Amino acid sequence: MIPDSEIVLRLLLGALLGGIIGFERQQHGRPAGFRTHLLVCTASVLVMLISEYFHFRQPFDSSYVRVDPGRIAAGAITGIGFLGAGVIVRAGVSVHGLTTAACLWVVSAIGLALGGGLYLAAGLTFVITLLALWLLEKLERLMPSRLYRSFTVVTETADANEAALRKVMGGHGTTVKNVAYEFNREKRESSYVFTISLRDRGLLGPLLKEVASLPFVLRYSLRT
């Protein structure tokens, strides 16, 4: 059997490591923050302790009935998948919350490792997670990446509007990934919803200025 002191140590370590990772997420304004990560990691420790308890206290004859202590832990990982899906939000062409969902999955694994007494594995995973959240975020900002936006333009009815808009966007280093078209018969207006990508945020200003100067453009909107 696991001594009580060892049980207390594992639960407290789970709360500490999960809480630290959750604090980092809360500092970035994420919906799953300090308390959520702390509870997930602590609960994972408890799940693993329960698994070990059943393994040591099984009243069955091991020659024909065996208890798998990993069954409950596997169920915990499945449950964390549903919890992680709840923090993933899609806004336009952007998806937010993937890193926080991954953090929930990681702290659950850390908790299971602590519950199983794998202190070195849990500690190293904890360090790697913090490095990924703190240091790699700064490196990502230095890496070249493209911005994706949803660009809606409402124009007067004309056959050449889309071609003219594409030409303007191409002249500002903008790539059109997709376009949706809508026509309003009553107002005699055409709406184009472009999914665009840009190399630099600074290109948006000149692009919007030139689009607004086109004589057939009535209004436009830009969403992330």
C-alpha atoms as a PDB file:
ATOM      1  CA  MET A   1       0.000   0.000   0.000  1.00  0.00           C
ATOM      2  CA  ILE A   2       1.038   3.611  -0.556  1.00  0.00           C
ATOM      3  CA  PRO A   3       1.745   5.388   2.767  1.00  0.00           C
ATOM      4  CA  ASP A   4      -0.379   8.401   3.661  1.00  0.00           C
ATOM      5  CA  SER A   5       2.623  10.743   3.562  1.00  0.00           C
ATOM      6  CA  GLU A   6       3.319   9.700  -0.018  1.00  0.00           C
ATOM      7  CA  ILE A   7      -0.326  10.294  -0.989  1.00  0.00           C
ATOM      8  CA  VAL A   8      -0.237  13.802   0.494  1.00  0.00           C
ATOM      9  CA  LEU A   9       3.052  14.575  -1.259  1.00  0.00           C
ATOM     10  CA  ARG A  10       1.750  13.503  -4.663  1.00  0.00           C
ATOM     11  CA  LEU A  11      -1.488  15.460  -4.340  1.00  0.00           C
ATOM     12  CA  LEU A  12       0.307  18.628  -3.204  1.00  0.00           C
ATOM     13  CA  LEU A  13       2.854  18.366  -6.017  1.00  0.00           C
ATOM     14  CA  GLY A  14       0.024  17.942  -8.525  1.00  0.00           C
ATOM     15  CA  ALA A  15      -1.708  21.054  -7.224  1.00  0.00           C
ATOM     16  CA  LEU A  16       1.570  23.014  -7.313  1.00  0.00           C
ATOM     17  CA  LEU A  17       2.712  22.070 -10.818  1.00  0.00           C
ATOM     18  CA  GLY A  18      -0.756  22.316 -12.346  1.00  0.00           C
ATOM     19  CA  GLY A  19      -1.360  25.645 -10.612  1.00  0.00           C
ATOM     20  CA  ILE A  20       1.862  27.156 -11.958  1.00  0.00           C
ATOM     21  CA  ILE A  21       1.013  26.208 -15.548  1.00  0.00           C
ATOM     22  CA  GLY A  22      -2.547  27.472 -15.050  1.00  0.00           C
ATOM     23  CA  PHE A  23      -1.230  30.770 -13.686  1.00  0.00           C
ATOM     24  CA  GLU A  24       0.722  31.297 -16.900  1.00  0.00           C
ATOM     25  CA  ARG A  25      -2.442  30.686 -18.947  1.00  0.00           C
ATOM     26  CA  GLN A  26      -4.458  33.056 -16.772  1.00  0.00           C
ATOM     27  CA  GLN A  27      -1.845  35.775 -17.274  1.00  0.00           C
ATOM     28  CA  HIS A  28      -2.669  35.553 -20.991  1.00  0.00           C
ATOM     29  CA  GLY A  29      -6.404  35.921 -20.323  1.00  0.00           C
ATOM     30  CA  ARG A  30      -7.337  32.338 -21.210  1.00  0.00           C
ATOM     31  CA  PRO A  31     -10.670  30.896 -20.002  1.00  0.00           C
ATOM     32  CA  ALA A  32      -8.978  27.838 -18.449  1.00  0.00           C
ATOM     33  CA  GLY A  33      -6.588  29.411 -15.971  1.00  0.00           C
ATOM     34  CA  PHE A  34      -5.120  28.862 -12.510  1.00  0.00           C
ATOM     35  CA  ARG A  35      -7.976  27.009 -10.820  1.00  0.00           C
ATOM     36  CA  THR A  36      -8.856  24.856 -13.830  1.00  0.00           C
ATOM     37  CA  HIS A  37      -5.332  23.561 -14.360  1.00  0.00           C
ATOM     38  CA  LEU A  38      -4.807  23.062 -10.619  1.00  0.00           C
ATOM     39  CA  LEU A  39      -7.979  20.986 -10.335  1.00  0.00           C
ATOM     40  CA  VAL A  40      -7.239  18.953 -13.473  1.00  0.00           C
ATOM     41  CA  CYS A  41      -3.746  18.040 -12.318  1.00  0.00           C
ATOM     42  CA  THR A  42      -4.851  17.240  -8.751  1.00  0.00           C
ATOM     43  CA  ALA A  43      -7.757  15.133 -10.001  1.00  0.00           C
ATOM     44  CA  SER A  44      -5.406  13.228 -12.305  1.00  0.00           C
ATOM     45  CA  VAL A  45      -3.134  12.446  -9.337  1.00  0.00           C
ATOM     46  CA  LEU A  46      -6.138  11.153  -7.411  1.00  0.00           C
ATOM     47  CA  VAL A  47      -7.280   9.025 -10.358  1.00  0.00           C
ATOM     48  CA  MET A  48      -3.866   7.382 -10.541  1.00  0.00           C
ATOM     49  CA  LEU A  49      -3.822   6.818  -6.786  1.00  0.00           C
ATOM     50  CA  ILE A  50      -7.219   5.134  -7.018  1.00  0.00           C
ATOM     51  CA  SER A  51      -5.900   2.928  -9.822  1.00  0.00           C
ATOM     52  CA  GLU A  52      -2.939   1.873  -7.694  1.00  0.00           C
ATOM     53  CA  TYR A  53      -5.205   1.325  -4.688  1.00  0.00           C
ATOM     54  CA  PHE A  54      -7.390  -1.112  -6.607  1.00  0.00           C
ATOM     55  CA  HIS A  55      -4.280  -2.843  -7.894  1.00  0.00           C
ATOM     56  CA  PHE A  56      -2.916  -3.448  -4.386  1.00  0.00           C
ATOM     57  CA  ARG A  57      -6.257  -4.202  -2.721  1.00  0.00           C
ATOM     58  CA  GLN A  58      -7.817  -6.484  -5.340  1.00  0.00           C
ATOM     59  CA  PRO A  59      -9.615  -9.306  -3.539  1.00  0.00           C
ATOM     60  CA  PHE A  60      -9.481 -11.637  -6.509  1.00  0.00           C
ATOM     61  CA  ASP A  61      -7.301 -14.598  -7.212  1.00  0.00           C
ATOM     62  CA  SER A  62      -4.618 -13.262  -9.560  1.00  0.00           C
ATOM     63  CA  SER A  63      -4.382 -16.624 -11.266  1.00  0.00           C
ATOM     64  CA  TYR A  64      -7.652 -16.030 -13.142  1.00  0.00           C
ATOM     65  CA  VAL A  65      -8.770 -12.408 -12.410  1.00  0.00           C
ATOM     66  CA  ARG A  66      -6.428  -9.486 -12.896  1.00  0.00           C
ATOM     67  CA  VAL A  67      -7.116  -5.776 -12.355  1.00  0.00           C
ATOM     68  CA  ASP A  68      -5.569  -3.362 -14.842  1.00  0.00           C
ATOM     69  CA  PRO A  69      -4.592  -0.171 -12.964  1.00  0.00           C
ATOM     70  CA  GLY A  70      -4.299   1.732 -16.248  1.00  0.00           C
ATOM     71  CA  ARG A  71      -8.000   1.488 -17.109  1.00  0.00           C
ATOM     72  CA  ILE A  72      -9.106   4.368 -14.869  1.00  0.00           C
ATOM     73  CA  ALA A  73      -6.165   6.521 -15.974  1.00  0.00           C
ATOM     74  CA  ALA A  74      -7.094   5.970 -19.628  1.00  0.00           C
ATOM     75  CA  GLY A  75     -10.628   7.116 -18.856  1.00  0.00           C
ATOM     76  CA  ALA A  76      -9.261  10.292 -17.271  1.00  0.00           C
ATOM     77  CA  ILE A  77      -7.341  11.176 -20.432  1.00  0.00           C
ATOM     78  CA  THR A  78     -10.507  10.694 -22.483  1.00  0.00           C
ATOM     79  CA  GLY A  79     -12.428  13.011 -20.167  1.00  0.00           C
ATOM     80  CA  ILE A  80      -9.755  15.691 -20.447  1.00  0.00           C
ATOM     81  CA  GLY A  81     -10.279  15.616 -24.214  1.00  0.00           C
ATOM     82  CA  PHE A  82     -13.850  16.834 -23.744  1.00  0.00           C
ATOM     83  CA  LEU A  83     -12.712  19.510 -21.290  1.00  0.00           C
ATOM     84  CA  GLY A  84     -10.038  20.712 -23.706  1.00  0.00           C
ATOM     85  CA  ALA A  85     -12.561  20.946 -26.533  1.00  0.00           C
ATOM     86  CA  GLY A  86     -14.537  23.412 -24.437  1.00  0.00           C
ATOM     87  CA  VAL A  87     -11.753  26.011 -24.463  1.00  0.00           C
ATOM     88  CA  ILE A  88     -11.220  25.914 -28.243  1.00  0.00           C
ATOM     89  CA  VAL A  89     -13.052  28.782 -29.924  1.00  0.00           C
ATOM     90  CA  ARG A  90     -13.262  29.615 -33.614  1.00  0.00           C
ATOM     91  CA  ALA A  91     -13.595  33.284 -34.562  1.00  0.00           C
ATOM     92  CA  GLY A  92     -13.816  33.859 -38.305  1.00  0.00           C
ATOM     93  CA  VAL A  93     -10.798  32.217 -39.897  1.00  0.00           C
ATOM     94  CA  SER A  94      -8.875  32.074 -36.611  1.00  0.00           C
ATOM     95  CA  VAL A  95      -8.919  29.375 -33.948  1.00  0.00           C
ATOM     96  CA  HIS A  96      -8.129  30.234 -30.331  1.00  0.00           C
ATOM     97  CA  GLY A  97      -7.521  28.034 -27.310  1.00  0.00           C
ATOM     98  CA  LEU A  98      -5.464  25.234 -28.840  1.00  0.00           C
ATOM     99  CA  THR A  99      -2.476  25.913 -26.573  1.00  0.00           C
ATOM    100  CA  THR A 100      -4.680  26.028 -23.470  1.00  0.00           C
ATOM    101  CA  ALA A 101      -6.345  22.755 -24.486  1.00  0.00           C
ATOM    102  CA  ALA A 102      -2.903  21.199 -24.915  1.00  0.00           C
ATOM    103  CA  CYS A 103      -1.926  22.516 -21.477  1.00  0.00           C
ATOM    104  CA  LEU A 104      -4.937  20.808 -19.910  1.00  0.00           C
ATOM    105  CA  TRP A 105      -3.910  17.553 -21.539  1.00  0.00           C
ATOM    106  CA  VAL A 106      -0.302  17.966 -20.385  1.00  0.00           C
ATOM    107  CA  VAL A 107      -1.180  18.789 -16.758  1.00  0.00           C
ATOM    108  CA  SER A 108      -3.441  15.728 -16.723  1.00  0.00           C
ATOM    109  CA  ALA A 109      -0.516  13.595 -17.858  1.00  0.00           C
ATOM    110  CA  ILE A 110       1.725  15.246 -15.244  1.00  0.00           C
ATOM    111  CA  GLY A 111      -0.849  14.451 -12.589  1.00  0.00           C
ATOM    112  CA  LEU A 112      -1.039  10.822 -13.659  1.00  0.00           C
ATOM    113  CA  ALA A 113       2.748  10.593 -13.571  1.00  0.00           C
ATOM    114  CA  LEU A 114       2.853  12.072 -10.066  1.00  0.00           C
ATOM    115  CA  GLY A 115       0.072   9.747  -8.973  1.00  0.00           C
ATOM    116  CA  GLY A 116       2.164   6.826 -10.197  1.00  0.00           C
ATOM    117  CA  GLY A 117       5.262   8.073  -8.386  1.00  0.00           C
ATOM    118  CA  LEU A 118       7.171   9.038 -11.545  1.00  0.00           C
ATOM    119  CA  TYR A 119       8.605  12.242 -10.101  1.00  0.00           C
ATOM    120  CA  LEU A 120      11.435  12.640 -12.608  1.00  0.00           C
ATOM    121  CA  ALA A 121       9.144  12.226 -15.628  1.00  0.00           C
ATOM    122  CA  ALA A 122       6.550  14.592 -14.153  1.00  0.00           C
ATOM    123  CA  GLY A 123       9.155  17.214 -13.232  1.00  0.00           C
ATOM    124  CA  LEU A 124      10.866  17.119 -16.620  1.00  0.00           C
ATOM    125  CA  THR A 125       7.515  17.389 -18.424  1.00  0.00           C
ATOM    126  CA  PHE A 126       6.637  20.344 -16.203  1.00  0.00           C
ATOM    127  CA  VAL A 127       9.899  22.123 -17.110  1.00  0.00           C
ATOM    128  CA  ILE A 128       9.460  21.422 -20.830  1.00  0.00           C
ATOM    129  CA  THR A 129       5.888  22.771 -20.698  1.00  0.00           C
ATOM    130  CA  LEU A 130       6.953  26.016 -19.036  1.00  0.00           C
ATOM    131  CA  LEU A 131       9.797  26.480 -21.505  1.00  0.00           C
ATOM    132  CA  ALA A 132       7.367  25.933 -24.385  1.00  0.00           C
ATOM    133  CA  LEU A 133       4.949  28.511 -22.961  1.00  0.00           C
ATOM    134  CA  TRP A 134       7.445  31.192 -21.972  1.00  0.00           C
ATOM    135  CA  LEU A 135      10.485  30.919 -24.247  1.00  0.00           C
ATOM    136  CA  LEU A 136       9.049  29.436 -27.426  1.00  0.00           C
ATOM    137  CA  GLU A 137       6.358  32.119 -27.529  1.00  0.00           C
ATOM    138  CA  LYS A 138       9.097  34.729 -27.926  1.00  0.00           C
ATOM    139  CA  LEU A 139      10.747  32.665 -30.656  1.00  0.00           C
ATOM    140  CA  GLU A 140       7.431  32.351 -32.499  1.00  0.00           C
ATOM    141  CA  ARG A 141       7.185  36.125 -32.677  1.00  0.00           C
ATOM    142  CA  LEU A 142      10.547  36.209 -34.450  1.00  0.00           C
ATOM    143  CA  MET A 143       9.569  33.506 -36.928  1.00  0.00           C
ATOM    144  CA  PRO A 144       8.044  34.661 -40.222  1.00  0.00           C
ATOM    145  CA  SER A 145       4.332  33.899 -40.459  1.00  0.00           C
ATOM    146  CA  ARG A 146       1.320  35.025 -42.460  1.00  0.00           C
ATOM    147  CA  LEU A 147      -1.743  36.795 -41.122  1.00  0.00           C
ATOM    148  CA  TYR A 148      -5.187  35.501 -42.077  1.00  0.00           C
ATOM    149  CA  ARG A 149      -8.196  37.826 -42.214  1.00  0.00           C
ATOM    150  CA  SER A 150     -11.796  37.760 -43.400  1.00  0.00           C
ATOM    151  CA  PHE A 151     -12.242  40.767 -45.706  1.00  0.00           C
ATOM    152  CA  THR A 152     -15.807  41.710 -46.690  1.00  0.00           C
ATOM    153  CA  VAL A 153     -16.331  44.266 -49.472  1.00  0.00           C
ATOM    154  CA  VAL A 154     -19.774  45.550 -50.558  1.00  0.00           C
ATOM    155  CA  THR A 155     -19.845  47.042 -54.038  1.00  0.00           C
ATOM    156  CA  GLU A 156     -22.207  48.309 -56.674  1.00  0.00           C
ATOM    157  CA  THR A 157     -23.275  45.640 -59.125  1.00  0.00           C
ATOM    158  CA  ALA A 158     -20.647  45.174 -61.797  1.00  0.00           C
ATOM    159  CA  ASP A 159     -19.074  42.195 -63.489  1.00  0.00           C
ATOM    160  CA  ALA A 160     -15.493  43.398 -63.111  1.00  0.00           C
ATOM    161  CA  ASN A 161     -15.594  44.185 -59.374  1.00  0.00           C
ATOM    162  CA  GLU A 162     -14.061  40.937 -58.189  1.00  0.00           C
ATOM    163  CA  ALA A 163     -11.247  41.090 -60.720  1.00  0.00           C
ATOM    164  CA  ALA A 164     -10.444  44.680 -59.731  1.00  0.00           C
ATOM    165  CA  LEU A 165     -10.447  43.815 -56.031  1.00  0.00           C
ATOM    166  CA  ARG A 166      -8.167  40.840 -56.604  1.00  0.00           C
ATOM    167  CA  LYS A 167      -5.768  43.024 -58.559  1.00  0.00           C
ATOM    168  CA  VAL A 168      -5.591  45.586 -55.751  1.00  0.00           C
ATOM    169  CA  MET A 169      -5.010  42.934 -53.109  1.00  0.00           C
ATOM    170  CA  GLY A 170      -2.358  41.228 -55.207  1.00  0.00           C
ATOM    171  CA  GLY A 171      -0.532  44.530 -55.563  1.00  0.00           C
ATOM    172  CA  HIS A 172      -0.179  44.750 -51.764  1.00  0.00           C
ATOM    173  CA  GLY A 173       1.275  41.295 -51.262  1.00  0.00           C
ATOM    174  CA  THR A 174      -2.080  39.799 -50.295  1.00  0.00           C
ATOM    175  CA  THR A 175      -3.077  36.273 -51.296  1.00  0.00           C
ATOM    176  CA  VAL A 176      -6.756  35.401 -51.729  1.00  0.00           C
ATOM    177  CA  LYS A 177      -7.381  31.934 -50.288  1.00  0.00           C
ATOM    178  CA  ASN A 178     -11.136  31.798 -50.739  1.00  0.00           C
ATOM    179  CA  VAL A 179     -14.049  34.026 -51.764  1.00  0.00           C
ATOM    180  CA  ALA A 180     -17.806  33.892 -51.144  1.00  0.00           C
ATOM    181  CA  TYR A 181     -20.243  35.944 -53.217  1.00  0.00           C
ATOM    182  CA  GLU A 182     -23.701  37.335 -52.360  1.00  0.00           C
ATOM    183  CA  PHE A 183     -26.047  39.542 -54.388  1.00  0.00           C
ATOM    184  CA  ASN A 184     -28.799  41.758 -52.918  1.00  0.00           C
ATOM    185  CA  ARG A 185     -31.433  42.319 -55.610  1.00  0.00           C
ATOM    186  CA  GLU A 186     -33.325  45.031 -53.699  1.00  0.00           C
ATOM    187  CA  LYS A 187     -30.303  47.173 -52.937  1.00  0.00           C
ATOM    188  CA  ARG A 188     -28.473  46.206 -56.122  1.00  0.00           C
ATOM    189  CA  GLU A 189     -25.358  45.431 -54.113  1.00  0.00           C
ATOM    190  CA  SER A 190     -22.764  42.697 -54.393  1.00  0.00           C
ATOM    191  CA  SER A 191     -20.939  41.381 -51.327  1.00  0.00           C
ATOM    192  CA  TYR A 192     -17.577  39.635 -51.544  1.00  0.00           C
ATOM    193  CA  VAL A 193     -16.170  37.814 -48.514  1.00  0.00           C
ATOM    194  CA  PHE A 194     -12.465  37.182 -49.136  1.00  0.00           C
ATOM    195  CA  THR A 195     -10.277  34.993 -46.964  1.00  0.00           C
ATOM    196  CA  ILE A 196      -6.893  36.648 -47.352  1.00  0.00           C
ATOM    197  CA  SER A 197      -3.373  36.140 -46.041  1.00  0.00           C
ATOM    198  CA  LEU A 198      -0.630  38.758 -45.677  1.00  0.00           C
ATOM    199  CA  ARG A 199       3.051  38.666 -44.871  1.00  0.00           C
ATOM    200  CA  ASP A 200       2.998  41.790 -42.706  1.00  0.00           C
ATOM    201  CA  ARG A 201       0.369  43.594 -40.641  1.00  0.00           C
ATOM    202  CA  GLY A 202       1.683  46.898 -41.996  1.00  0.00           C
ATOM    203  CA  LEU A 203       0.279  46.040 -45.430  1.00  0.00           C
ATOM    204  CA  LEU A 204      -3.303  46.302 -44.172  1.00  0.00           C
ATOM    205  CA  GLY A 205      -3.376  50.105 -43.987  1.00  0.00           C
ATOM    206  CA  PRO A 206      -2.363  50.804 -47.610  1.00  0.00           C
ATOM    207  CA  LEU A 207      -4.595  47.966 -48.808  1.00  0.00           C
ATOM    208  CA  LEU A 208      -7.701  49.307 -47.068  1.00  0.00           C
ATOM    209  CA  LYS A 209      -6.950  52.819 -48.251  1.00  0.00           C
ATOM    210  CA  GLU A 210      -6.749  51.787 -51.895  1.00  0.00           C
ATOM    211  CA  VAL A 211      -9.849  49.595 -51.668  1.00  0.00           C
ATOM    212  CA  ALA A 212     -11.800  52.509 -50.171  1.00  0.00           C
ATOM    213  CA  SER A 213     -10.716  54.721 -53.070  1.00  0.00           C
ATOM    214  CA  LEU A 214     -12.274  52.430 -55.683  1.00  0.00           C
ATOM    215  CA  PRO A 215     -15.398  54.163 -57.107  1.00  0.00           C
ATOM    216  CA  PHE A 216     -17.633  51.096 -56.940  1.00  0.00           C
ATOM    217  CA  VAL A 217     -16.863  50.196 -53.292  1.00  0.00           C
ATOM    218  CA  LEU A 218     -19.701  51.123 -50.915  1.00  0.00           C
ATOM    219  CA  ARG A 219     -18.266  49.765 -47.649  1.00  0.00           C
ATOM    220  CA  TYR A 220     -15.970  47.094 -46.291  1.00  0.00           C
ATOM    221  CA  SER A 221     -15.142  45.299 -43.044  1.00  0.00           C
ATOM    222  CA  LEU A 222     -12.127  43.343 -41.815  1.00  0.00           C
ATOM    223  CA  ARG A 223     -12.256  40.569 -39.213  1.00  0.00           C
ATOM    224  CA  THR A 224      -9.604  38.401 -37.628  1.00  0.00           C
END
